[in-house]
Amino acid sequence: MDRTFALFPKAQRWWSFADHGVLMDLMLRLQPKTVLEFGPGSSTLALVEGGAVSIDTCEDNPDWLAVYEERLAPRFWDILTLHAYTATDPLTIPAIDQRRYDFAFVDGPRLTHTRGREIQYALDRCAWVACHDALAPPIVAALDRARADGWQVEVIAYDRNPGEPNAIALIGPRP
């Protein structure tokens, strides 16, 4: 990919230039201003660079929350709020349960069994929801449930690294 990004200078094993580019393209296409994110990190940089003016980002791992409080919060304190949460069923995050958003991005470990809960939480509060690692079984199952509930689902396939297929799923608009 021959793109340059202002906030993401180095590709990582878990987040490549292709990942960043696909999320940036979605941000430019949908132009959301308020964003809910599960799994802060490199994806947060794409949300900022893509024009988000307010991001509530949620992390369930206390160690990673501390890392991103140090890496992201001081740099983007004016638009970014980090939230700790526990993966409960049903999922609840009291600080943001009543909020509504233009867009959500759900990321994190691709094989975790809690991703469906996070996707449902986002669908209940957002006009559009994008899910990273859309080829992973827990995400495919959540996408099937969203389709069954009448949501439109678009899977955007791309190569993360040469020969490593990946996809981001876009769910919306709200039925």
N, C-alpha and C. Protein backbone atom coordinates (compact mmCIF):
# COMPACT_ATOMS: atom_id res chain seq x y z
N MET A 1 0.86 -1.17 0.00
CA MET A 1 0.00 0.00 0.00
C MET A 1 0.90 1.23 0.00
N ASP A 2 0.67 2.13 -0.94
CA ASP A 2 1.50 3.32 -1.08
C ASP A 2 0.82 4.53 -0.47
N ARG A 3 0.45 4.44 0.79
CA ARG A 3 -0.21 5.55 1.45
C ARG A 3 0.65 6.03 2.61
N THR A 4 0.51 7.28 2.91
CA THR A 4 1.19 7.85 4.06
C THR A 4 0.13 8.32 5.04
N PHE A 5 0.34 8.01 6.30
CA PHE A 5 -0.60 8.40 7.33
C PHE A 5 0.11 9.31 8.32
N ALA A 6 -0.55 10.37 8.72
CA ALA A 6 0.05 11.34 9.62
C ALA A 6 0.28 10.77 11.02
N LEU A 7 -0.59 9.90 11.49
CA LEU A 7 -0.50 9.44 12.87
C LEU A 7 -0.01 8.00 13.02
N PHE A 8 0.24 7.32 11.94
CA PHE A 8 0.61 5.90 12.03
C PHE A 8 1.83 5.64 11.16
N PRO A 9 3.01 5.92 11.68
CA PRO A 9 4.22 5.84 10.85
C PRO A 9 4.80 4.44 10.69
N LYS A 10 4.45 3.47 11.58
CA LYS A 10 5.11 2.17 11.54
C LYS A 10 4.10 1.03 11.65
N ALA A 11 4.09 0.16 10.66
CA ALA A 11 3.20 -1.00 10.70
C ALA A 11 3.65 -1.96 11.80
N GLN A 12 2.68 -2.58 12.44
CA GLN A 12 2.95 -3.56 13.50
C GLN A 12 2.36 -4.89 13.08
N ARG A 13 2.76 -5.94 13.75
CA ARG A 13 2.25 -7.27 13.45
C ARG A 13 0.73 -7.32 13.60
N TRP A 14 0.20 -6.64 14.61
CA TRP A 14 -1.23 -6.70 14.91
C TRP A 14 -2.04 -5.62 14.21
N TRP A 15 -1.40 -4.63 13.62
CA TRP A 15 -2.12 -3.55 12.93
C TRP A 15 -1.22 -3.04 11.82
N SER A 16 -1.60 -3.30 10.57
CA SER A 16 -0.78 -2.97 9.42
C SER A 16 -1.23 -1.68 8.75
N PHE A 17 -0.47 -1.25 7.76
CA PHE A 17 -0.89 -0.10 6.96
C PHE A 17 -2.21 -0.39 6.25
N ALA A 18 -2.41 -1.65 5.83
CA ALA A 18 -3.67 -2.02 5.18
C ALA A 18 -4.84 -1.88 6.15
N ASP A 19 -4.67 -2.34 7.40
CA ASP A 19 -5.71 -2.18 8.42
C ASP A 19 -6.05 -0.70 8.60
N HIS A 20 -5.01 0.09 8.77
CA HIS A 20 -5.18 1.53 9.00
C HIS A 20 -5.91 2.18 7.81
N GLY A 21 -5.50 1.79 6.61
CA GLY A 21 -6.11 2.36 5.41
C GLY A 21 -7.58 2.02 5.26
N VAL A 22 -7.95 0.77 5.55
CA VAL A 22 -9.36 0.37 5.43
C VAL A 22 -10.22 1.14 6.44
N LEU A 23 -9.73 1.27 7.68
CA LEU A 23 -10.50 2.03 8.68
C LEU A 23 -10.57 3.51 8.32
N MET A 24 -9.47 4.07 7.82
CA MET A 24 -9.48 5.47 7.37
C MET A 24 -10.49 5.66 6.24
N ASP A 25 -10.53 4.73 5.31
CA ASP A 25 -11.50 4.81 4.21
C ASP A 25 -12.93 4.81 4.73
N LEU A 26 -13.23 3.97 5.74
CA LEU A 26 -14.57 3.96 6.33
C LEU A 26 -14.87 5.29 7.01
N MET A 27 -13.89 5.84 7.70
CA MET A 27 -14.09 7.14 8.35
C MET A 27 -14.39 8.22 7.31
N LEU A 28 -13.67 8.21 6.22
CA LEU A 28 -13.90 9.21 5.16
C LEU A 28 -15.24 8.98 4.48
N ARG A 29 -15.63 7.73 4.31
CA ARG A 29 -16.91 7.40 3.66
C ARG A 29 -18.11 7.80 4.52
N LEU A 30 -18.06 7.49 5.81
CA LEU A 30 -19.20 7.72 6.70
C LEU A 30 -19.16 9.07 7.42
N GLN A 31 -17.99 9.63 7.58
CA GLN A 31 -17.76 10.92 8.23
C GLN A 31 -18.39 11.02 9.62
N PRO A 32 -18.18 10.00 10.47
CA PRO A 32 -18.73 10.08 11.82
C PRO A 32 -17.96 11.07 12.67
N LYS A 33 -18.64 11.69 13.59
CA LYS A 33 -17.99 12.62 14.52
C LYS A 33 -17.86 11.99 15.90
N THR A 34 -18.89 11.25 16.34
CA THR A 34 -18.84 10.60 17.64
C THR A 34 -18.61 9.10 17.44
N VAL A 35 -17.62 8.57 18.16
CA VAL A 35 -17.20 7.19 17.94
C VAL A 35 -17.09 6.44 19.26
N LEU A 36 -17.57 5.22 19.25
CA LEU A 36 -17.39 4.26 20.33
C LEU A 36 -16.39 3.23 19.84
N GLU A 37 -15.39 2.93 20.64
CA GLU A 37 -14.37 1.97 20.23
C GLU A 37 -14.16 0.94 21.34
N PHE A 38 -14.04 -0.31 20.95
CA PHE A 38 -13.61 -1.37 21.85
C PHE A 38 -12.24 -1.82 21.39
N GLY A 39 -11.24 -1.68 22.26
CA GLY A 39 -9.89 -2.08 21.92
C GLY A 39 -9.07 -0.90 21.42
N PRO A 40 -8.67 0.01 22.32
CA PRO A 40 -7.86 1.16 21.89
C PRO A 40 -6.49 0.71 21.41
N GLY A 41 -5.85 1.59 20.69
CA GLY A 41 -4.50 1.31 20.20
C GLY A 41 -4.28 1.99 18.87
N SER A 42 -3.67 1.25 17.97
CA SER A 42 -3.37 1.80 16.65
C SER A 42 -4.64 2.21 15.91
N SER A 43 -5.71 1.48 16.11
CA SER A 43 -6.98 1.83 15.46
C SER A 43 -7.47 3.20 15.92
N THR A 44 -7.20 3.56 17.16
CA THR A 44 -7.61 4.86 17.67
C THR A 44 -7.00 5.97 16.85
N LEU A 45 -5.76 5.76 16.41
CA LEU A 45 -5.08 6.76 15.58
C LEU A 45 -5.80 6.95 14.25
N ALA A 46 -6.32 5.87 13.67
CA ALA A 46 -7.08 5.99 12.41
C ALA A 46 -8.38 6.74 12.65
N LEU A 47 -9.02 6.52 13.79
CA LEU A 47 -10.26 7.24 14.11
C LEU A 47 -10.00 8.73 14.25
N VAL A 48 -8.92 9.08 14.93
CA VAL A 48 -8.54 10.49 15.09
C VAL A 48 -8.19 11.09 13.73
N GLU A 49 -7.33 10.41 13.00
CA GLU A 49 -6.90 10.92 11.69
C GLU A 49 -8.07 10.99 10.71
N GLY A 50 -9.06 10.13 10.90
CA GLY A 50 -10.22 10.10 10.03
C GLY A 50 -11.27 11.16 10.34
N GLY A 51 -11.06 11.95 11.39
CA GLY A 51 -11.94 13.07 11.65
C GLY A 51 -12.87 12.97 12.85
N ALA A 52 -12.73 11.93 13.68
CA ALA A 52 -13.57 11.83 14.88
C ALA A 52 -13.30 13.03 15.78
N VAL A 53 -14.36 13.58 16.35
CA VAL A 53 -14.20 14.71 17.28
C VAL A 53 -14.43 14.29 18.72
N SER A 54 -15.00 13.09 18.93
CA SER A 54 -15.21 12.56 20.27
C SER A 54 -15.15 11.04 20.19
N ILE A 55 -14.26 10.45 21.00
CA ILE A 55 -14.10 9.00 21.02
C ILE A 55 -14.17 8.51 22.45
N ASP A 56 -15.11 7.60 22.70
CA ASP A 56 -15.14 6.84 23.95
C ASP A 56 -14.56 5.48 23.61
N THR A 57 -13.39 5.17 24.16
CA THR A 57 -12.75 3.90 23.86
C THR A 57 -12.71 3.04 25.12
N CYS A 58 -13.04 1.76 24.95
CA CYS A 58 -13.26 0.86 26.08
C CYS A 58 -12.25 -0.29 26.04
N GLU A 59 -11.73 -0.63 27.22
CA GLU A 59 -10.75 -1.70 27.35
C GLU A 59 -11.08 -2.54 28.59
N ASP A 60 -11.10 -3.87 28.41
CA ASP A 60 -11.41 -4.75 29.54
C ASP A 60 -10.19 -5.32 30.23
N ASN A 61 -9.00 -5.12 29.69
CA ASN A 61 -7.78 -5.62 30.29
C ASN A 61 -7.09 -4.46 31.03
N PRO A 62 -6.98 -4.52 32.36
CA PRO A 62 -6.40 -3.41 33.11
C PRO A 62 -4.97 -3.06 32.71
N ASP A 63 -4.18 -4.07 32.33
CA ASP A 63 -2.80 -3.79 31.91
C ASP A 63 -2.77 -2.98 30.62
N TRP A 64 -3.61 -3.37 29.65
CA TRP A 64 -3.65 -2.62 28.39
C TRP A 64 -4.28 -1.24 28.59
N LEU A 65 -5.24 -1.15 29.49
CA LEU A 65 -5.83 0.16 29.79
C LEU A 65 -4.75 1.12 30.28
N ALA A 66 -3.87 0.66 31.16
CA ALA A 66 -2.79 1.49 31.68
C ALA A 66 -1.84 1.91 30.56
N VAL A 67 -1.55 0.99 29.65
CA VAL A 67 -0.67 1.31 28.52
C VAL A 67 -1.28 2.43 27.68
N TYR A 68 -2.58 2.32 27.36
CA TYR A 68 -3.19 3.32 26.49
C TYR A 68 -3.53 4.61 27.20
N GLU A 69 -3.70 4.55 28.51
CA GLU A 69 -3.82 5.81 29.27
C GLU A 69 -2.54 6.62 29.13
N GLU A 70 -1.41 5.93 29.11
CA GLU A 70 -0.12 6.60 28.97
C GLU A 70 0.16 7.02 27.52
N ARG A 71 -0.13 6.13 26.56
CA ARG A 71 0.21 6.40 25.16
C ARG A 71 -0.76 7.35 24.46
N LEU A 72 -2.05 7.18 24.71
CA LEU A 72 -3.04 7.92 23.93
C LEU A 72 -3.67 9.10 24.65
N ALA A 73 -4.04 8.90 25.91
CA ALA A 73 -4.82 9.93 26.61
C ALA A 73 -4.12 11.29 26.65
N PRO A 74 -2.84 11.38 27.01
CA PRO A 74 -2.22 12.70 27.05
C PRO A 74 -2.18 13.39 25.68
N ARG A 75 -2.03 12.61 24.65
CA ARG A 75 -1.91 13.17 23.30
C ARG A 75 -3.24 13.64 22.74
N PHE A 76 -4.32 12.95 23.10
CA PHE A 76 -5.63 13.25 22.53
C PHE A 76 -6.68 13.51 23.62
N TRP A 77 -6.26 14.04 24.75
CA TRP A 77 -7.16 14.23 25.89
C TRP A 77 -8.39 15.04 25.54
N ASP A 78 -8.29 15.90 24.54
CA ASP A 78 -9.43 16.76 24.21
C ASP A 78 -10.56 16.02 23.48
N ILE A 79 -10.27 14.86 22.88
CA ILE A 79 -11.33 14.12 22.17
C ILE A 79 -11.50 12.68 22.65
N LEU A 80 -10.59 12.20 23.47
CA LEU A 80 -10.56 10.78 23.83
C LEU A 80 -10.84 10.57 25.31
N THR A 81 -11.77 9.64 25.60
CA THR A 81 -12.01 9.22 26.98
C THR A 81 -11.89 7.70 27.02
N LEU A 82 -11.04 7.21 27.93
CA LEU A 82 -10.85 5.78 28.10
C LEU A 82 -11.78 5.27 29.20
N HIS A 83 -12.36 4.10 28.96
CA HIS A 83 -13.28 3.48 29.92
C HIS A 83 -12.85 2.04 30.19
N ALA A 84 -12.75 1.69 31.45
CA ALA A 84 -12.53 0.30 31.84
C ALA A 84 -13.90 -0.38 31.88
N TYR A 85 -13.94 -1.64 31.51
CA TYR A 85 -15.18 -2.39 31.63
C TYR A 85 -14.87 -3.86 31.88
N THR A 86 -15.87 -4.57 32.34
CA THR A 86 -15.78 -6.00 32.56
C THR A 86 -16.75 -6.66 31.59
N ALA A 87 -16.29 -7.71 30.94
CA ALA A 87 -17.10 -8.40 29.94
C ALA A 87 -18.20 -9.20 30.63
N THR A 88 -19.33 -8.56 30.85
CA THR A 88 -20.48 -9.21 31.47
C THR A 88 -21.52 -9.52 30.40
N ASP A 89 -22.48 -10.33 30.75
CA ASP A 89 -23.55 -10.64 29.82
C ASP A 89 -24.89 -10.40 30.50
N PRO A 90 -25.64 -9.37 30.15
CA PRO A 90 -25.35 -8.42 29.08
C PRO A 90 -24.27 -7.43 29.51
N LEU A 91 -23.60 -6.89 28.52
CA LEU A 91 -22.53 -5.92 28.75
C LEU A 91 -23.13 -4.60 29.20
N THR A 92 -22.53 -4.01 30.21
CA THR A 92 -22.93 -2.68 30.66
C THR A 92 -21.68 -1.88 31.02
N ILE A 93 -21.70 -0.62 30.62
CA ILE A 93 -20.62 0.32 30.94
C ILE A 93 -21.33 1.58 31.43
N PRO A 94 -21.58 1.68 32.74
CA PRO A 94 -22.44 2.74 33.26
C PRO A 94 -22.12 4.15 32.78
N ALA A 95 -20.86 4.48 32.60
CA ALA A 95 -20.50 5.84 32.19
C ALA A 95 -21.01 6.20 30.80
N ILE A 96 -21.28 5.19 29.97
CA ILE A 96 -21.69 5.49 28.59
C ILE A 96 -22.95 4.75 28.14
N ASP A 97 -23.58 3.99 29.02
CA ASP A 97 -24.74 3.19 28.63
C ASP A 97 -25.84 4.01 27.95
N GLN A 98 -26.01 5.26 28.30
CA GLN A 98 -27.10 6.08 27.74
C GLN A 98 -26.67 6.89 26.52
N ARG A 99 -25.42 6.81 26.11
CA ARG A 99 -24.94 7.61 24.98
C ARG A 99 -25.27 6.96 23.64
N ARG A 100 -25.30 7.79 22.62
CA ARG A 100 -25.49 7.34 21.24
C ARG A 100 -24.30 7.87 20.42
N TYR A 101 -23.95 7.11 19.39
CA TYR A 101 -22.76 7.42 18.58
C TYR A 101 -23.10 7.30 17.10
N ASP A 102 -22.28 7.96 16.28
CA ASP A 102 -22.40 7.84 14.83
C ASP A 102 -21.82 6.51 14.34
N PHE A 103 -20.78 6.03 15.03
CA PHE A 103 -19.97 4.92 14.51
C PHE A 103 -19.31 4.21 15.68
N ALA A 104 -19.12 2.90 15.53
CA ALA A 104 -18.34 2.12 16.50
C ALA A 104 -17.33 1.28 15.76
N PHE A 105 -16.19 1.08 16.38
CA PHE A 105 -15.18 0.17 15.87
C PHE A 105 -14.87 -0.83 16.97
N VAL A 106 -15.03 -2.12 16.65
CA VAL A 106 -14.81 -3.20 17.62
C VAL A 106 -13.56 -3.95 17.20
N ASP A 107 -12.58 -3.96 18.09
CA ASP A 107 -11.31 -4.62 17.83
C ASP A 107 -10.89 -5.36 19.10
N GLY A 108 -9.74 -5.94 19.09
CA GLY A 108 -9.26 -6.68 20.25
C GLY A 108 -8.88 -8.08 19.81
N PRO A 109 -8.55 -8.95 20.74
CA PRO A 109 -8.17 -10.31 20.35
C PRO A 109 -9.24 -10.97 19.48
N ARG A 110 -8.84 -11.44 18.32
CA ARG A 110 -9.81 -11.89 17.31
C ARG A 110 -10.59 -13.14 17.69
N LEU A 111 -10.08 -13.93 18.58
CA LEU A 111 -10.78 -15.18 18.90
C LEU A 111 -11.47 -15.13 20.26
N THR A 112 -11.54 -13.98 20.89
CA THR A 112 -12.19 -13.90 22.20
C THR A 112 -13.69 -14.15 22.07
N HIS A 113 -14.24 -14.83 23.04
CA HIS A 113 -15.66 -15.16 23.02
C HIS A 113 -16.55 -13.98 23.38
N THR A 114 -15.98 -12.87 23.85
CA THR A 114 -16.80 -11.72 24.25
C THR A 114 -17.08 -10.74 23.11
N ARG A 115 -16.49 -10.95 21.96
CA ARG A 115 -16.65 -9.97 20.88
C ARG A 115 -18.11 -9.79 20.47
N GLY A 116 -18.90 -10.85 20.52
CA GLY A 116 -20.32 -10.73 20.18
C GLY A 116 -21.05 -9.78 21.11
N ARG A 117 -20.71 -9.79 22.39
CA ARG A 117 -21.33 -8.88 23.36
C ARG A 117 -20.97 -7.43 23.03
N GLU A 118 -19.72 -7.21 22.70
CA GLU A 118 -19.27 -5.86 22.38
C GLU A 118 -19.94 -5.36 21.10
N ILE A 119 -20.07 -6.24 20.12
CA ILE A 119 -20.74 -5.87 18.87
C ILE A 119 -22.20 -5.53 19.15
N GLN A 120 -22.88 -6.34 19.95
CA GLN A 120 -24.28 -6.05 20.28
C GLN A 120 -24.40 -4.74 21.05
N TYR A 121 -23.51 -4.49 21.98
CA TYR A 121 -23.52 -3.23 22.73
C TYR A 121 -23.40 -2.05 21.76
N ALA A 122 -22.50 -2.18 20.81
CA ALA A 122 -22.31 -1.12 19.81
C ALA A 122 -23.55 -0.97 18.92
N LEU A 123 -24.13 -2.07 18.47
CA LEU A 123 -25.33 -2.00 17.62
C LEU A 123 -26.49 -1.30 18.34
N ASP A 124 -26.56 -1.46 19.65
CA ASP A 124 -27.63 -0.82 20.41
C ASP A 124 -27.45 0.69 20.54
N ARG A 125 -26.26 1.22 20.19
CA ARG A 125 -25.96 2.63 20.42
C ARG A 125 -25.45 3.39 19.20
N CYS A 126 -25.27 2.71 18.10
CA CYS A 126 -24.58 3.33 16.96
C CYS A 126 -25.35 3.16 15.65
N ALA A 127 -25.18 4.12 14.77
CA ALA A 127 -25.76 4.03 13.43
C ALA A 127 -25.00 3.02 12.57
N TRP A 128 -23.69 2.95 12.73
CA TRP A 128 -22.83 2.05 11.97
C TRP A 128 -21.84 1.39 12.92
N VAL A 129 -21.52 0.12 12.69
CA VAL A 129 -20.55 -0.60 13.50
C VAL A 129 -19.60 -1.33 12.55
N ALA A 130 -18.30 -1.15 12.77
CA ALA A 130 -17.29 -1.88 12.02
C ALA A 130 -16.56 -2.83 12.95
N CYS A 131 -16.26 -4.02 12.45
CA CYS A 131 -15.59 -5.05 13.24
C CYS A 131 -14.32 -5.49 12.53
N HIS A 132 -13.21 -5.39 13.22
CA HIS A 132 -11.94 -5.88 12.70
C HIS A 132 -11.92 -7.40 12.78
N ASP A 133 -11.09 -8.03 11.99
CA ASP A 133 -10.95 -9.49 12.00
C ASP A 133 -12.26 -10.19 11.68
N ALA A 134 -12.96 -9.70 10.67
CA ALA A 134 -14.29 -10.21 10.34
C ALA A 134 -14.31 -11.63 9.80
N LEU A 135 -13.15 -12.24 9.58
CA LEU A 135 -13.10 -13.63 9.13
C LEU A 135 -12.96 -14.61 10.30
N ALA A 136 -12.76 -14.09 11.52
CA ALA A 136 -12.60 -14.95 12.70
C ALA A 136 -13.96 -15.51 13.12
N PRO A 137 -14.00 -16.77 13.54
CA PRO A 137 -15.28 -17.42 13.88
C PRO A 137 -16.19 -16.63 14.84
N PRO A 138 -15.68 -16.05 15.95
CA PRO A 138 -16.61 -15.31 16.82
C PRO A 138 -17.24 -14.09 16.12
N ILE A 139 -16.50 -13.48 15.22
CA ILE A 139 -17.02 -12.31 14.51
C ILE A 139 -18.03 -12.76 13.46
N VAL A 140 -17.72 -13.84 12.75
CA VAL A 140 -18.65 -14.37 11.74
C VAL A 140 -19.98 -14.71 12.41
N ALA A 141 -19.95 -15.32 13.59
CA ALA A 141 -21.18 -15.66 14.30
C ALA A 141 -21.97 -14.39 14.66
N ALA A 142 -21.28 -13.35 15.11
CA ALA A 142 -21.95 -12.08 15.45
C ALA A 142 -22.53 -11.42 14.20
N LEU A 143 -21.83 -11.52 13.09
CA LEU A 143 -22.34 -10.95 11.83
C LEU A 143 -23.59 -11.70 11.37
N ASP A 144 -23.58 -13.01 11.53
CA ASP A 144 -24.77 -13.80 11.17
C ASP A 144 -25.97 -13.38 12.01
N ARG A 145 -25.75 -13.14 13.32
CA ARG A 145 -26.85 -12.68 14.19
C ARG A 145 -27.35 -11.31 13.75
N ALA A 146 -26.43 -10.42 13.39
CA ALA A 146 -26.83 -9.08 12.93
C ALA A 146 -27.67 -9.18 11.65
N ARG A 147 -27.25 -10.02 10.71
CA ARG A 147 -28.04 -10.22 9.48
C ARG A 147 -29.43 -10.75 9.81
N ALA A 148 -29.49 -11.71 10.72
CA ALA A 148 -30.78 -12.30 11.12
C ALA A 148 -31.69 -11.25 11.75
N ASP A 149 -31.10 -10.24 12.38
CA ASP A 149 -31.87 -9.16 12.99
C ASP A 149 -32.20 -8.04 12.00
N GLY A 150 -31.84 -8.24 10.73
CA GLY A 150 -32.19 -7.27 9.70
C GLY A 150 -31.14 -6.23 9.36
N TRP A 151 -29.98 -6.31 9.99
CA TRP A 151 -28.92 -5.35 9.68
C TRP A 151 -28.29 -5.69 8.33
N GLN A 152 -27.85 -4.67 7.61
CA GLN A 152 -27.05 -4.88 6.41
C GLN A 152 -25.61 -5.09 6.85
N VAL A 153 -24.92 -6.06 6.23
CA VAL A 153 -23.54 -6.36 6.58
C VAL A 153 -22.71 -6.37 5.30
N GLU A 154 -21.69 -5.56 5.29
CA GLU A 154 -20.74 -5.50 4.17
C GLU A 154 -19.39 -5.96 4.69
N VAL A 155 -18.80 -6.97 4.05
CA VAL A 155 -17.48 -7.45 4.44
C VAL A 155 -16.47 -6.92 3.43
N ILE A 156 -15.50 -6.18 3.95
CA ILE A 156 -14.47 -5.56 3.11
C ILE A 156 -13.19 -6.36 3.29
N ALA A 157 -12.88 -7.20 2.32
CA ALA A 157 -11.71 -8.07 2.39
C ALA A 157 -10.49 -7.35 1.85
N TYR A 158 -9.35 -7.65 2.44
CA TYR A 158 -8.08 -7.07 2.00
C TYR A 158 -6.96 -7.96 2.54
N ASP A 159 -5.75 -7.75 2.06
CA ASP A 159 -4.59 -8.47 2.59
C ASP A 159 -3.91 -7.58 3.62
N ARG A 160 -3.88 -8.06 4.86
CA ARG A 160 -3.22 -7.32 5.94
C ARG A 160 -1.73 -7.19 5.63
N ASN A 161 -1.12 -8.29 5.34
CA ASN A 161 0.26 -8.38 4.90
C ASN A 161 0.21 -9.30 3.69
N PRO A 162 1.22 -9.32 2.84
CA PRO A 162 1.15 -10.17 1.65
C PRO A 162 0.75 -11.61 1.99
N GLY A 163 -0.36 -12.05 1.41
CA GLY A 163 -0.84 -13.40 1.60
C GLY A 163 -1.56 -13.66 2.91
N GLU A 164 -1.81 -12.62 3.70
CA GLU A 164 -2.51 -12.79 4.98
C GLU A 164 -3.87 -12.11 4.87
N PRO A 165 -4.91 -12.88 4.51
CA PRO A 165 -6.22 -12.28 4.31
C PRO A 165 -6.83 -11.78 5.62
N ASN A 166 -7.51 -10.69 5.53
CA ASN A 166 -8.25 -10.14 6.65
C ASN A 166 -9.46 -9.43 6.10
N ALA A 167 -10.34 -8.98 6.98
CA ALA A 167 -11.52 -8.26 6.55
C ALA A 167 -12.03 -7.40 7.70
N ILE A 168 -12.65 -6.30 7.34
CA ILE A 168 -13.40 -5.50 8.27
C ILE A 168 -14.86 -5.59 7.82
N ALA A 169 -15.74 -5.85 8.77
CA ALA A 169 -17.16 -5.90 8.45
C ALA A 169 -17.79 -4.57 8.85
N LEU A 170 -18.65 -4.06 8.00
CA LEU A 170 -19.41 -2.85 8.29
C LEU A 170 -20.86 -3.24 8.44
N ILE A 171 -21.44 -2.95 9.59
CA ILE A 171 -22.82 -3.27 9.87
C ILE A 171 -23.60 -1.96 9.93
N GLY A 172 -24.65 -1.86 9.16
CA GLY A 172 -25.49 -0.65 9.18
C GLY A 172 -26.03 -0.41 7.80
N PRO A 173 -26.91 0.49 7.65
CA PRO A 173 -27.44 1.34 8.70
C PRO A 173 -28.47 0.60 9.55
N ARG A 174 -28.86 1.25 10.62
CA ARG A 174 -29.81 0.68 11.58
C ARG A 174 -31.12 0.34 10.85
N PRO A 175 -31.64 -0.90 11.08
CA PRO A 175 -32.90 -1.27 10.41
C PRO A 175 -34.09 -0.50 10.96
